């Protein structure tokens, strides 16, 4: 069974394109338009991987990373941004514009196996 992925991005086109791409690759995908709604989706959807933009108004990707790490059995987190990777943050990172092959490789390496 393929991992469940929650995509969090405040850019609707990016969120939609990533959702479609990952669904086409066989992943079970949900999305959220911002960090606050992502918090609810994490509890409802129980993703294996949280693919989140770093820079969003209000609750950003680094806030979601901290939340996921504080959770028991929380999702693995992959950060993405058009800006450089935040210094001192140890998490997989994908630069924007996204290289699809790189993203798929990182998701595969990051996602825990599902039964």
PDB file of N, CA and C in Angstrom:
ATOM      1  N   UNK A   1       0.837  -1.179   0.000  1.00  0.00           N
ATOM      2  CA  UNK A   1       0.000   0.000   0.000  1.00  0.00           C
ATOM      3  C   UNK A   1       0.889   1.252   0.000  1.00  0.00           C
ATOM      4  N   UNK A   2       0.562   2.209  -0.849  1.00  0.00           N
ATOM      5  CA  UNK A   2       1.366   3.430  -0.954  1.00  0.00           C
ATOM      6  C   UNK A   2       1.122   4.341   0.252  1.00  0.00           C
ATOM      7  N   UNK A   3       2.117   5.129   0.625  1.00  0.00           N
ATOM      8  CA  UNK A   3       1.969   6.058   1.751  1.00  0.00           C
ATOM      9  C   UNK A   3       0.896   7.113   1.493  1.00  0.00           C
ATOM     10  N   UNK A   4       0.353   7.610   2.590  1.00  0.00           N
ATOM     11  CA  UNK A   4      -0.618   8.709   2.549  1.00  0.00           C
ATOM     12  C   UNK A   4       0.160  10.013   2.684  1.00  0.00           C
ATOM     13  N   UNK A   5      -0.150  10.966   1.822  1.00  0.00           N
ATOM     14  CA  UNK A   5       0.578  12.232   1.803  1.00  0.00           C
ATOM     15  C   UNK A   5      -0.391  13.392   1.960  1.00  0.00           C
ATOM     16  N   UNK A   6      -0.084  14.287   2.885  1.00  0.00           N
ATOM     17  CA  UNK A   6      -0.830  15.531   3.042  1.00  0.00           C
ATOM     18  C   UNK A   6       0.027  16.659   2.491  1.00  0.00           C
ATOM     19  N   UNK A   7      -0.507  17.357   1.482  1.00  0.00           N
ATOM     20  CA  UNK A   7       0.189  18.480   0.860  1.00  0.00           C
ATOM     21  C   UNK A   7      -0.362  19.769   1.449  1.00  0.00           C
ATOM     22  N   UNK A   8       0.540  20.611   1.954  1.00  0.00           N
ATOM     23  CA  UNK A   8       0.124  21.888   2.533  1.00  0.00           C
ATOM     24  C   UNK A   8       0.855  23.004   1.797  1.00  0.00           C
ATOM     25  N   UNK A   9       0.083  23.820   1.082  1.00  0.00           N
ATOM     26  CA  UNK A   9       0.665  24.934   0.335  1.00  0.00           C
ATOM     27  C   UNK A   9      -0.409  25.986   0.154  1.00  0.00           C
ATOM     28  N   UNK A  10      -0.050  27.236   0.410  1.00  0.00           N
ATOM     29  CA  UNK A  10      -1.032  28.315   0.272  1.00  0.00           C
ATOM     30  C   UNK A  10      -1.205  28.765  -1.180  1.00  0.00           C
ATOM     31  N   UNK A  11      -0.428  28.207  -2.088  1.00  0.00           N
ATOM     32  CA  UNK A  11      -0.580  28.506  -3.514  1.00  0.00           C
ATOM     33  C   UNK A  11      -1.474  27.434  -4.137  1.00  0.00           C
ATOM     34  N   UNK A  12      -2.714  27.792  -4.532  1.00  0.00           N
ATOM     35  CA  UNK A  12      -3.656  26.785  -5.042  1.00  0.00           C
ATOM     36  C   UNK A  12      -3.131  25.998  -6.240  1.00  0.00           C
ATOM     37  N   UNK A  13      -2.458  26.650  -7.179  1.00  0.00           N
ATOM     38  CA  UNK A  13      -1.963  25.934  -8.358  1.00  0.00           C
ATOM     39  C   UNK A  13      -0.898  24.906  -7.990  1.00  0.00           C
ATOM     40  N   UNK A  14      -0.004  25.273  -7.092  1.00  0.00           N
ATOM     41  CA  UNK A  14       1.047  24.347  -6.654  1.00  0.00           C
ATOM     42  C   UNK A  14       0.428  23.161  -5.920  1.00  0.00           C
ATOM     43  N   UNK A  15      -0.509  23.453  -5.038  1.00  0.00           N
ATOM     44  CA  UNK A  15      -1.171  22.401  -4.260  1.00  0.00           C
ATOM     45  C   UNK A  15      -1.911  21.428  -5.183  1.00  0.00           C
ATOM     46  N   UNK A  16      -2.629  21.970  -6.130  1.00  0.00           N
ATOM     47  CA  UNK A  16      -3.394  21.146  -7.073  1.00  0.00           C
ATOM     48  C   UNK A  16      -2.476  20.301  -7.951  1.00  0.00           C
ATOM     49  N   UNK A  17      -1.421  20.906  -8.484  1.00  0.00           N
ATOM     50  CA  UNK A  17      -0.492  20.179  -9.353  1.00  0.00           C
ATOM     51  C   UNK A  17       0.213  19.054  -8.600  1.00  0.00           C
ATOM     52  N   UNK A  18       0.658  19.334  -7.374  1.00  0.00           N
ATOM     53  CA  UNK A  18       1.326  18.297  -6.578  1.00  0.00           C
ATOM     54  C   UNK A  18       0.362  17.169  -6.226  1.00  0.00           C
ATOM     55  N   UNK A  19      -0.869  17.529  -5.891  1.00  0.00           N
ATOM     56  CA  UNK A  19      -1.871  16.514  -5.563  1.00  0.00           C
ATOM     57  C   UNK A  19      -2.102  15.592  -6.752  1.00  0.00           C
ATOM     58  N   UNK A  20      -2.281  16.178  -7.922  1.00  0.00           N
ATOM     59  CA  UNK A  20      -2.524  15.388  -9.129  1.00  0.00           C
ATOM     60  C   UNK A  20      -1.333  14.493  -9.461  1.00  0.00           C
ATOM     61  N   UNK A  21      -0.151  15.065  -9.389  1.00  0.00           N
ATOM     62  CA  UNK A  21       1.060  14.300  -9.696  1.00  0.00           C
ATOM     63  C   UNK A  21       1.210  13.096  -8.768  1.00  0.00           C
ATOM     64  N   UNK A  22       1.047  13.316  -7.478  1.00  0.00           N
ATOM     65  CA  UNK A  22       1.242  12.235  -6.515  1.00  0.00           C
ATOM     66  C   UNK A  22       0.125  11.199  -6.594  1.00  0.00           C
ATOM     67  N   UNK A  23      -1.087  11.625  -6.896  1.00  0.00           N
ATOM     68  CA  UNK A  23      -2.178  10.665  -7.119  1.00  0.00           C
ATOM     69  C   UNK A  23      -1.875   9.799  -8.336  1.00  0.00           C
ATOM     70  N   UNK A  24      -1.374  10.444  -9.400  1.00  0.00           N
ATOM     71  CA  UNK A  24      -1.014   9.693 -10.611  1.00  0.00           C
ATOM     72  C   UNK A  24       0.068   8.659 -10.323  1.00  0.00           C
ATOM     73  N   UNK A  25       0.900   8.917  -9.322  1.00  0.00           N
ATOM     74  CA  UNK A  25       1.954   7.977  -8.931  1.00  0.00           C
ATOM     75  C   UNK A  25       1.427   6.901  -7.976  1.00  0.00           C
ATOM     76  N   UNK A  26       0.134   6.980  -7.641  1.00  0.00           N
ATOM     77  CA  UNK A  26      -0.474   5.946  -6.810  1.00  0.00           C
ATOM     78  C   UNK A  26      -0.572   6.257  -5.331  1.00  0.00           C
ATOM     79  N   UNK A  27      -0.225   7.461  -4.930  1.00  0.00           N
ATOM     80  CA  UNK A  27      -0.308   7.822  -3.519  1.00  0.00           C
ATOM     81  C   UNK A  27      -1.732   8.210  -3.142  1.00  0.00           C
ATOM     82  N   UNK A  28      -2.077   8.007  -1.891  1.00  0.00           N
ATOM     83  CA  UNK A  28      -3.328   8.479  -1.318  1.00  0.00           C
ATOM     84  C   UNK A  28      -3.028   9.896  -0.833  1.00  0.00           C
ATOM     85  N   UNK A  29      -3.683  10.903  -1.432  1.00  0.00           N
ATOM     86  CA  UNK A  29      -3.312  12.300  -1.214  1.00  0.00           C
ATOM     87  C   UNK A  29      -4.482  13.115  -0.691  1.00  0.00           C
ATOM     88  N   UNK A  30      -4.182  13.987   0.259  1.00  0.00           N
ATOM     89  CA  UNK A  30      -5.113  15.011   0.722  1.00  0.00           C
ATOM     90  C   UNK A  30      -4.334  16.323   0.719  1.00  0.00           C
ATOM     91  N   UNK A  31      -5.057  17.429   0.820  1.00  0.00           N
ATOM     92  CA  UNK A  31      -4.351  18.715   0.817  1.00  0.00           C
ATOM     93  C   UNK A  31      -5.008  19.688   1.780  1.00  0.00           C
ATOM     94  N   UNK A  32      -4.242  20.717   2.104  1.00  0.00           N
ATOM     95  CA  UNK A  32      -4.722  21.797   2.961  1.00  0.00           C
ATOM     96  C   UNK A  32      -4.129  23.103   2.438  1.00  0.00           C
ATOM     97  N   UNK A  33      -4.926  24.172   2.523  1.00  0.00           N
ATOM     98  CA  UNK A  33      -4.525  25.467   1.972  1.00  0.00           C
ATOM     99  C   UNK A  33      -3.666  26.288   2.916  1.00  0.00           C
ATOM    100  N   UNK A  34      -3.585  25.879   4.175  1.00  0.00           N
ATOM    101  CA  UNK A  34      -2.775  26.631   5.139  1.00  0.00           C
ATOM    102  C   UNK A  34      -2.447  25.746   6.328  1.00  0.00           C
ATOM    103  N   UNK A  35      -1.562  26.242   7.165  1.00  0.00           N
ATOM    104  CA  UNK A  35      -1.106  25.455   8.302  1.00  0.00           C
ATOM    105  C   UNK A  35      -2.178  25.156   9.320  1.00  0.00           C
ATOM    106  N   UNK A  36      -3.085  26.090   9.524  1.00  0.00           N
ATOM    107  CA  UNK A  36      -4.152  25.881  10.505  1.00  0.00           C
ATOM    108  C   UNK A  36      -5.074  24.747  10.066  1.00  0.00           C
ATOM    109  N   UNK A  37      -5.502  24.752   8.810  1.00  0.00           N
ATOM    110  CA  UNK A  37      -6.357  23.659   8.342  1.00  0.00           C
ATOM    111  C   UNK A  37      -5.556  22.356   8.251  1.00  0.00           C
ATOM    112  N   UNK A  38      -4.246  22.450   8.042  1.00  0.00           N
ATOM    113  CA  UNK A  38      -3.403  21.247   8.013  1.00  0.00           C
ATOM    114  C   UNK A  38      -3.425  20.537   9.368  1.00  0.00           C
ATOM    115  N   UNK A  39      -3.459  21.292  10.444  1.00  0.00           N
ATOM    116  CA  UNK A  39      -3.505  20.673  11.769  1.00  0.00           C
ATOM    117  C   UNK A  39      -4.724  19.769  11.904  1.00  0.00           C
ATOM    118  N   UNK A  40      -5.872  20.215  11.411  1.00  0.00           N
ATOM    119  CA  UNK A  40      -7.089  19.395  11.458  1.00  0.00           C
ATOM    120  C   UNK A  40      -6.969  18.193  10.522  1.00  0.00           C
ATOM    121  N   UNK A  41      -6.415  18.436   9.328  1.00  0.00           N
ATOM    122  CA  UNK A  41      -6.289  17.353   8.339  1.00  0.00           C
ATOM    123  C   UNK A  41      -5.341  16.259   8.828  1.00  0.00           C
ATOM    124  N   UNK A  42      -4.307  16.634   9.560  1.00  0.00           N
ATOM    125  CA  UNK A  42      -3.378  15.636  10.100  1.00  0.00           C
ATOM    126  C   UNK A  42      -4.144  14.660  10.998  1.00  0.00           C
ATOM    127  N   UNK A  43      -4.999  15.200  11.861  1.00  0.00           N
ATOM    128  CA  UNK A  43      -5.763  14.352  12.777  1.00  0.00           C
ATOM    129  C   UNK A  43      -6.769  13.488  12.027  1.00  0.00           C
ATOM    130  N   UNK A  44      -7.394  14.022  10.988  1.00  0.00           N
ATOM    131  CA  UNK A  44      -8.425  13.290  10.240  1.00  0.00           C
ATOM    132  C   UNK A  44      -7.831  12.277   9.253  1.00  0.00           C
ATOM    133  N   UNK A  45      -6.837  12.706   8.511  1.00  0.00           N
ATOM    134  CA  UNK A  45      -6.295  11.920   7.396  1.00  0.00           C
ATOM    135  C   UNK A  45      -5.188  10.957   7.819  1.00  0.00           C
ATOM    136  N   UNK A  46      -4.489  11.295   8.901  1.00  0.00           N
ATOM    137  CA  UNK A  46      -3.373  10.493   9.424  1.00  0.00           C
ATOM    138  C   UNK A  46      -2.338  10.182   8.343  1.00  0.00           C
ATOM    139  N   UNK A  47      -1.703  11.237   7.785  1.00  0.00           N
ATOM    140  CA  UNK A  47      -0.727  11.023   6.712  1.00  0.00           C
ATOM    141  C   UNK A  47       0.553  10.364   7.217  1.00  0.00           C
ATOM    142  N   UNK A  48       1.215   9.682   6.292  1.00  0.00           N
ATOM    143  CA  UNK A  48       2.543   9.147   6.572  1.00  0.00           C
ATOM    144  C   UNK A  48       3.599  10.218   6.321  1.00  0.00           C
ATOM    145  N   UNK A  49       3.307  11.071   5.326  1.00  0.00           N
ATOM    146  CA  UNK A  49       4.223  12.144   4.940  1.00  0.00           C
ATOM    147  C   UNK A  49       3.448  13.452   4.861  1.00  0.00           C
ATOM    148  N   UNK A  50       4.035  14.481   5.421  1.00  0.00           N
ATOM    149  CA  UNK A  50       3.501  15.832   5.348  1.00  0.00           C
ATOM    150  C   UNK A  50       4.446  16.621   4.445  1.00  0.00           C
ATOM    151  N   UNK A  51       3.959  17.006   3.271  1.00  0.00           N
ATOM    152  CA  UNK A  51       4.737  17.782   2.308  1.00  0.00           C
ATOM    153  C   UNK A  51       4.258  19.214   2.433  1.00  0.00           C
ATOM    154  N   UNK A  52       5.076  20.081   3.033  1.00  0.00           N
ATOM    155  CA  UNK A  52       4.595  21.417   3.370  1.00  0.00           C
ATOM    156  C   UNK A  52       5.522  22.529   2.912  1.00  0.00           C
ATOM    157  N   UNK A  53       4.901  23.598   2.441  1.00  0.00           N
ATOM    158  CA  UNK A  53       5.625  24.818   2.122  1.00  0.00           C
ATOM    159  C   UNK A  53       6.148  25.396   3.436  1.00  0.00           C
ATOM    160  N   UNK A  54       7.335  25.938   3.415  1.00  0.00           N
ATOM    161  CA  UNK A  54       7.911  26.525   4.623  1.00  0.00           C
ATOM    162  C   UNK A  54       7.230  27.844   4.954  1.00  0.00           C
ATOM    163  N   UNK A  55       7.069  28.684   3.940  1.00  0.00           N
ATOM    164  CA  UNK A  55       6.606  30.059   4.158  1.00  0.00           C
ATOM    165  C   UNK A  55       5.132  30.215   3.797  1.00  0.00           C
ATOM    166  N   UNK A  56       4.292  30.264   4.834  1.00  0.00           N
ATOM    167  CA  UNK A  56       2.859  30.496   4.668  1.00  0.00           C
ATOM    168  C   UNK A  56       2.419  31.454   5.765  1.00  0.00           C
ATOM    169  N   UNK A  57       1.390  32.237   5.501  1.00  0.00           N
ATOM    170  CA  UNK A  57       0.885  33.131   6.553  1.00  0.00           C
ATOM    171  C   UNK A  57       0.384  32.335   7.757  1.00  0.00           C
ATOM    172  N   UNK A  58       0.545  32.880   8.932  1.00  0.00           N
ATOM    173  CA  UNK A  58       0.061  32.216  10.149  1.00  0.00           C
ATOM    174  C   UNK A  58       0.932  31.037  10.516  1.00  0.00           C
ATOM    175  N   UNK A  59       0.364  29.845  10.461  1.00  0.00           N
ATOM    176  CA  UNK A  59       1.075  28.613  10.804  1.00  0.00           C
ATOM    177  C   UNK A  59       1.856  28.149   9.575  1.00  0.00           C
ATOM    178  N   UNK A  60       3.175  28.216   9.663  1.00  0.00           N
ATOM    179  CA  UNK A  60       4.030  27.859   8.534  1.00  0.00           C
ATOM    180  C   UNK A  60       4.548  26.436   8.617  1.00  0.00           C
ATOM    181  N   UNK A  61       5.347  26.074   7.644  1.00  0.00           N
ATOM    182  CA  UNK A  61       5.890  24.732   7.564  1.00  0.00           C
ATOM    183  C   UNK A  61       6.767  24.344   8.744  1.00  0.00           C
ATOM    184  N   UNK A  62       7.518  25.290   9.273  1.00  0.00           N
ATOM    185  CA  UNK A  62       8.370  24.960  10.424  1.00  0.00           C
ATOM    186  C   UNK A  62       7.519  24.687  11.662  1.00  0.00           C
ATOM    187  N   UNK A  63       6.383  25.391  11.776  1.00  0.00           N
ATOM    188  CA  UNK A  63       5.443  25.118  12.873  1.00  0.00           C
ATOM    189  C   UNK A  63       4.869  23.710  12.733  1.00  0.00           C
ATOM    190  N   UNK A  64       4.530  23.332  11.500  1.00  0.00           N
ATOM    191  CA  UNK A  64       3.986  21.987  11.260  1.00  0.00           C
ATOM    192  C   UNK A  64       5.039  20.910  11.495  1.00  0.00           C
ATOM    193  N   UNK A  65       6.300  21.218  11.163  1.00  0.00           N
ATOM    194  CA  UNK A  65       7.396  20.286  11.444  1.00  0.00           C
ATOM    195  C   UNK A  65       7.489  20.036  12.946  1.00  0.00           C
ATOM    196  N   UNK A  66       7.441  21.103  13.737  1.00  0.00           N
ATOM    197  CA  UNK A  66       7.514  20.970  15.195  1.00  0.00           C
ATOM    198  C   UNK A  66       6.319  20.171  15.722  1.00  0.00           C
ATOM    199  N   UNK A  67       5.135  20.431  15.184  1.00  0.00           N
ATOM    200  CA  UNK A  67       3.936  19.703  15.594  1.00  0.00           C
ATOM    201  C   UNK A  67       4.081  18.212  15.288  1.00  0.00           C
ATOM    202  N   UNK A  68       4.508  17.891  14.076  1.00  0.00           N
ATOM    203  CA  UNK A  68       4.654  16.488  13.668  1.00  0.00           C
ATOM    204  C   UNK A  68       5.677  15.771  14.541  1.00  0.00           C
ATOM    205  N   UNK A  69       6.755  16.446  14.859  1.00  0.00           N
ATOM    206  CA  UNK A  69       7.796  15.810  15.683  1.00  0.00           C
ATOM    207  C   UNK A  69       7.346  15.603  17.119  1.00  0.00           C
ATOM    208  N   UNK A  70       6.402  16.432  17.576  1.00  0.00           N
ATOM    209  CA  UNK A  70       5.896  16.297  18.946  1.00  0.00           C
ATOM    210  C   UNK A  70       4.828  15.213  19.067  1.00  0.00           C
ATOM    211  N   UNK A  71       4.285  14.791  17.934  1.00  0.00           N
ATOM    212  CA  UNK A  71       3.226  13.781  17.941  1.00  0.00           C
ATOM    213  C   UNK A  71       3.799  12.379  18.086  1.00  0.00           C
ATOM    214  N   UNK A  72       3.070  11.553  18.773  1.00  0.00           N
ATOM    215  CA  UNK A  72       3.416  10.134  18.806  1.00  0.00           C
ATOM    216  C   UNK A  72       2.975   9.556  17.467  1.00  0.00           C
ATOM    217  N   UNK A  73       3.859   8.904  16.770  1.00  0.00           N
ATOM    218  CA  UNK A  73       3.575   8.357  15.439  1.00  0.00           C
ATOM    219  C   UNK A  73       3.136   9.429  14.453  1.00  0.00           C
ATOM    220  N   UNK A  74       3.716  10.617  14.573  1.00  0.00           N
ATOM    221  CA  UNK A  74       3.395  11.703  13.650  1.00  0.00           C
ATOM    222  C   UNK A  74       3.983  11.447  12.272  1.00  0.00           C
ATOM    223  N   UNK A  75       3.533  12.220  11.287  1.00  0.00           N
ATOM    224  CA  UNK A  75       4.027  12.021   9.924  1.00  0.00           C
ATOM    225  C   UNK A  75       5.476  12.470   9.770  1.00  0.00           C
ATOM    226  N   UNK A  76       6.149  11.873   8.801  1.00  0.00           N
ATOM    227  CA  UNK A  76       7.449  12.374   8.391  1.00  0.00           C
ATOM    228  C   UNK A  76       7.181  13.682   7.638  1.00  0.00           C
ATOM    229  N   UNK A  77       8.121  14.613   7.688  1.00  0.00           N
ATOM    230  CA  UNK A  77       7.892  15.928   7.078  1.00  0.00           C
ATOM    231  C   UNK A  77       8.934  16.191   6.005  1.00  0.00           C
ATOM    232  N   UNK A  78       8.449  16.662   4.856  1.00  0.00           N
ATOM    233  CA  UNK A  78       9.304  17.141   3.777  1.00  0.00           C
ATOM    234  C   UNK A  78       8.954  18.610   3.577  1.00  0.00           C
ATOM    235  N   UNK A  79       9.960  19.463   3.705  1.00  0.00           N
ATOM    236  CA  UNK A  79       9.760  20.900   3.528  1.00  0.00           C
ATOM    237  C   UNK A  79      10.016  21.285   2.086  1.00  0.00           C
ATOM    238  N   UNK A  80       9.305  22.313   1.618  1.00  0.00           N
ATOM    239  CA  UNK A  80       9.550  22.838   0.274  1.00  0.00           C
ATOM    240  C   UNK A  80       9.455  24.357   0.317  1.00  0.00           C
ATOM    241  N   UNK A  81      10.267  24.995  -0.522  1.00  0.00           N
ATOM    242  CA  UNK A  81      10.275  26.452  -0.561  1.00  0.00           C
ATOM    243  C   UNK A  81      11.012  26.943  -1.790  1.00  0.00           C
ATOM    244  N   UNK A  82      10.643  28.140  -2.239  1.00  0.00           N
ATOM    245  CA  UNK A  82      11.373  28.805  -3.319  1.00  0.00           C
ATOM    246  C   UNK A  82      12.623  29.475  -2.765  1.00  0.00           C
ATOM    247  N   UNK A  83      12.680  29.628  -1.456  1.00  0.00           N
ATOM    248  CA  UNK A  83      13.851  30.207  -0.783  1.00  0.00           C
ATOM    249  C   UNK A  83      14.800  29.076  -0.375  1.00  0.00           C
ATOM    250  N   UNK A  84      16.020  29.429   0.013  1.00  0.00           N
ATOM    251  CA  UNK A  84      16.960  28.376   0.446  1.00  0.00           C
ATOM    252  C   UNK A  84      16.437  27.617   1.670  1.00  0.00           C
ATOM    253  N   UNK A  85      16.951  26.401   1.837  1.00  0.00           N
ATOM    254  CA  UNK A  85      16.563  25.598   2.991  1.00  0.00           C
ATOM    255  C   UNK A  85      16.888  26.359   4.265  1.00  0.00           C
ATOM    256  N   UNK A  86      15.943  26.392   5.220  1.00  0.00           N
ATOM    257  CA  UNK A  86      16.207  27.086   6.488  1.00  0.00           C
ATOM    258  C   UNK A  86      17.422  26.475   7.185  1.00  0.00           C
ATOM    259  N   UNK A  87      18.310  27.325   7.661  1.00  0.00           N
ATOM    260  CA  UNK A  87      19.518  26.818   8.318  1.00  0.00           C
ATOM    261  C   UNK A  87      19.164  26.189   9.655  1.00  0.00           C
ATOM    262  N   UNK A  88      19.891  25.138   9.973  1.00  0.00           N
ATOM    263  CA  UNK A  88      19.708  24.465  11.252  1.00  0.00           C
ATOM    264  C   UNK A  88      18.492  23.556  11.323  1.00  0.00           C
ATOM    265  N   UNK A  89      17.792  23.369  10.216  1.00  0.00           N
ATOM    266  CA  UNK A  89      16.605  22.516  10.217  1.00  0.00           C
ATOM    267  C   UNK A  89      16.959  21.187   9.552  1.00  0.00           C
ATOM    268  N   UNK A  90      16.866  20.121  10.322  1.00  0.00           N
ATOM    269  CA  UNK A  90      17.189  18.798   9.795  1.00  0.00           C
ATOM    270  C   UNK A  90      15.905  18.116   9.343  1.00  0.00           C
ATOM    271  N   UNK A  91      15.558  18.339   8.101  1.00  0.00           N
ATOM    272  CA  UNK A  91      14.377  17.706   7.497  1.00  0.00           C
ATOM    273  C   UNK A  91      14.609  17.657   6.000  1.00  0.00           C
ATOM    274  N   UNK A  92      14.083  16.654   5.327  1.00  0.00           N
ATOM    275  CA  UNK A  92      14.202  16.626   3.867  1.00  0.00           C
ATOM    276  C   UNK A  92      13.632  17.916   3.274  1.00  0.00           C
ATOM    277  N   UNK A  93      14.257  18.386   2.198  1.00  0.00           N
ATOM    278  CA  UNK A  93      13.891  19.675   1.615  1.00  0.00           C
ATOM    279  C   UNK A  93      13.878  19.572   0.097  1.00  0.00           C
ATOM    280  N   UNK A  94      12.854  20.202  -0.511  1.00  0.00           N
ATOM    281  CA  UNK A  94      12.735  20.274  -1.960  1.00  0.00           C
ATOM    282  C   UNK A  94      12.595  21.743  -2.334  1.00  0.00           C
ATOM    283  N   UNK A  95      13.445  22.211  -3.243  1.00  0.00           N
ATOM    284  CA  UNK A  95      13.360  23.591  -3.692  1.00  0.00           C
ATOM    285  C   UNK A  95      12.275  23.763  -4.743  1.00  0.00           C
ATOM    286  N   UNK A  96      11.724  24.966  -4.786  1.00  0.00           N
ATOM    287  CA  UNK A  96      10.739  25.328  -5.822  1.00  0.00           C
ATOM    288  C   UNK A  96      11.440  26.198  -6.848  1.00  0.00           C
ATOM    289  N   UNK A  97      11.176  26.065  -8.125  1.00  0.00           N
ATOM    290  CA  UNK A  97      10.229  25.122  -8.693  1.00  0.00           C
ATOM    291  C   UNK A  97      10.689  23.688  -8.451  1.00  0.00           C
ATOM    292  N   UNK A  98       9.716  22.831  -8.280  1.00  0.00           N
ATOM    293  CA  UNK A  98       9.990  21.460  -7.858  1.00  0.00           C
ATOM    294  C   UNK A  98      10.440  20.597  -9.024  1.00  0.00           C
ATOM    295  N   UNK A  99      11.544  19.893  -8.800  1.00  0.00           N
ATOM    296  CA  UNK A  99      12.018  18.872  -9.726  1.00  0.00           C
ATOM    297  C   UNK A  99      11.254  17.603  -9.355  1.00  0.00           C
ATOM    298  N   UNK A 100      10.387  17.149 -10.250  1.00  0.00           N
ATOM    299  CA  UNK A 100       9.489  16.038  -9.955  1.00  0.00           C
ATOM    300  C   UNK A 100      10.246  14.761  -9.590  1.00  0.00           C
ATOM    301  N   UNK A 101      11.294  14.449 -10.326  1.00  0.00           N
ATOM    302  CA  UNK A 101      12.076  13.243 -10.022  1.00  0.00           C
ATOM    303  C   UNK A 101      12.681  13.328  -8.622  1.00  0.00           C
ATOM    304  N   UNK A 102      13.186  14.499  -8.270  1.00  0.00           N
ATOM    305  CA  UNK A 102      13.764  14.694  -6.933  1.00  0.00           C
ATOM    306  C   UNK A 102      12.686  14.540  -5.862  1.00  0.00           C
ATOM    307  N   UNK A 103      11.518  15.142  -6.095  1.00  0.00           N
ATOM    308  CA  UNK A 103      10.430  15.047  -5.125  1.00  0.00           C
ATOM    309  C   UNK A 103      10.022  13.592  -4.912  1.00  0.00           C
ATOM    310  N   UNK A 104       9.818  12.857  -5.987  1.00  0.00           N
ATOM    311  CA  UNK A 104       9.410  11.459  -5.857  1.00  0.00           C
ATOM    312  C   UNK A 104      10.465  10.633  -5.130  1.00  0.00           C
ATOM    313  N   UNK A 105      11.723  10.904  -5.401  1.00  0.00           N
ATOM    314  CA  UNK A 105      12.806  10.198  -4.723  1.00  0.00           C
ATOM    315  C   UNK A 105      12.801  10.488  -3.223  1.00  0.00           C
ATOM    316  N   UNK A 106      12.610  11.746  -2.862  1.00  0.00           N
ATOM    317  CA  UNK A 106      12.596  12.138  -1.450  1.00  0.00           C
ATOM    318  C   UNK A 106      11.390  11.545  -0.734  1.00  0.00           C
ATOM    319  N   UNK A 107      10.226  11.578  -1.384  1.00  0.00           N
ATOM    320  CA  UNK A 107       9.024  11.008  -0.772  1.00  0.00           C
ATOM    321  C   UNK A 107       9.213   9.512  -0.537  1.00  0.00           C
ATOM    322  N   UNK A 108       9.741   8.812  -1.525  1.00  0.00           N
ATOM    323  CA  UNK A 108       9.974   7.368  -1.372  1.00  0.00           C
ATOM    324  C   UNK A 108      10.951   7.090  -0.228  1.00  0.00           C
ATOM    325  N   UNK A 109      12.002   7.879  -0.138  1.00  0.00           N
ATOM    326  CA  UNK A 109      13.006   7.676   0.917  1.00  0.00           C
ATOM    327  C   UNK A 109      12.474   8.043   2.304  1.00  0.00           C
ATOM    328  N   UNK A 110      11.561   8.981   2.351  1.00  0.00           N
ATOM    329  CA  UNK A 110      11.059   9.502   3.624  1.00  0.00           C
ATOM    330  C   UNK A 110       9.910   8.691   4.175  1.00  0.00           C
ATOM    331  N   UNK A 111       9.028   8.227   3.305  1.00  0.00           N
ATOM    332  CA  UNK A 111       7.800   7.558   3.740  1.00  0.00           C
ATOM    333  C   UNK A 111       8.085   6.217   4.397  1.00  0.00           C
ATOM    334  N   UNK A 112       7.469   5.990   5.542  1.00  0.00           N
ATOM    335  CA  UNK A 112       7.606   4.675   6.155  1.00  0.00           C
ATOM    336  C   UNK A 112       6.811   3.653   5.355  1.00  0.00           C
ATOM    337  N   UNK A 113       7.218   2.402   5.342  1.00  0.00           N
ATOM    338  CA  UNK A 113       6.441   1.389   4.607  1.00  0.00           C
ATOM    339  C   UNK A 113       5.074   1.192   5.260  1.00  0.00           C
ATOM    340  N   UNK A 114       4.049   1.051   4.417  1.00  0.00           N
ATOM    341  CA  UNK A 114       2.680   0.802   4.903  1.00  0.00           C
ATOM    342  C   UNK A 114       2.328  -0.656   4.695  1.00  0.00           C
ATOM    343  N   UNK A 115       1.524  -1.154   5.559  1.00  0.00           N
ATOM    344  CA  UNK A 115       1.067  -2.539   5.445  1.00  0.00           C
ATOM    345  C   UNK A 115      -0.371  -2.580   5.024  1.00  0.00           C
TER     346      UNK A 115
END
